[in-house]
Amino acid sequence: MSELSLLPTPSFLSKVWARTDKAALAIVLILLALTAFDPVQAGDSFAFLIQQVVHVAPFLLASIFIAAYASASGADNLIAKAFSGRQMQMIVAAALMGGLSPFCSCGVIPLIAALLGMGVPLAPVMAFWLASPVMDPTMFILTAGTLGTEFAMVKTMAAIGIGLLGGFSIHILMRRGLFSNPLRDGVGNGGCGAASVRSNKPVAWAFWHDEARRKKFGVSSVQNLLFLGKWLALAFLLESLMLAYMPDGFIRSIAGDAGILTILGATLVGIPAYLNGYAALPLVGGLIDQGMAPGAGLAFLVGGGVTSIPAAIAVFALARLPVFVAYVTIAIFGAALSGILFQAYLGY
């Protein structure tokens, strides 16, 4: 047997990489690097991580309960009711549901495909599509815990507002003959989000009487705990490094003023730099503490949530190019506008 045959093949390495937990790997590698090159900071960063996790634990556990309850009870079936009636009413309802619904991230794209495949007009679907990545009950609780209740309320209003902006903008453009066929060829419905629209089963609010639903609640709780826990841990670790190594006043010098260009820049930076909705919260909190304008922080969170590279790739794979361009354009404009309005509200 050749020695070369004993080496791992590229296909094997790609499979291993695909199954690797990127957040957990990043945490381990960062701590190992700190231990090797700056052991004092390694201890400080780990202590900071533990301190922040303890601080946010009540909010984390509450968010996990809400998400697991929605999954076990079938409350996500209520989303179907947002897409019935007159189109103007549908847009408003869809924006509200998008900004408040507990849908999992994996369900958004197949849900959109299902709605469009069922003949739901693009305008209300776009309203939900734009609002959904920005805010949900889990995100609201964690935002309140890391950035304050006022910021969480403003971010919720921004989510609903960007949904309304997108829905009514698409409605106007559709009346002029645009977006008659939004889906790419071969895209159909399916997936975890789509199933709830097709079945529209009643919600079992007292789900604990059903063994299968109790099991689903437990599985969902563990999955959410692992998912949220690892991303928040990575975020707090990165925040500790930012606070330790970033020069004093650096953020204030480049994003401290409340000008329109600063807020627009934060919106655009969110496209490549947005890591994860939950991980971004403490990072933005640290930046604001170092002098970043709150409006720029809001624009980063809103714009990054909607137009981050993973989200943009999913939209591009699902929708035709004109719909994709409209999605990104409305998202950037809406995020920047929300930041500008928030800054004006604060009186800067």
Foldseek 3Di string as FASTA:
>chain_A
DDPVVVDDDPVRVVVVVVPDDVLVVVVVVVLVVCCVPPVVLSVVLVVLLVVVCVLCVVLLLVLLLVLLLCQLQVVLLCQLVLQDDDLLSSLLSLLLCLLEPSDDPQQLLLQLQACVQVPRDVLSNLLSLQLNLQHYSSLLSLLCSQPNNVLSVLSSVLSSVLSSLRSVVVVVVVVVPPPPDWWDPPRHHDDDNNVSNVPSDDGRSVSVVPPVSVVSSVVSSVVSCVVLVSLQSSLSSVLSVCVVPPDQCPLCVQAQDLDLVSLLVLLVVLAAPVDGLNSLSNNLSSSVVRRHQVLSSQLSSSSNSQRHPVNLVSSPNTTPPVVSVSSNVSSSVSSSVSSNVVSVVVVD
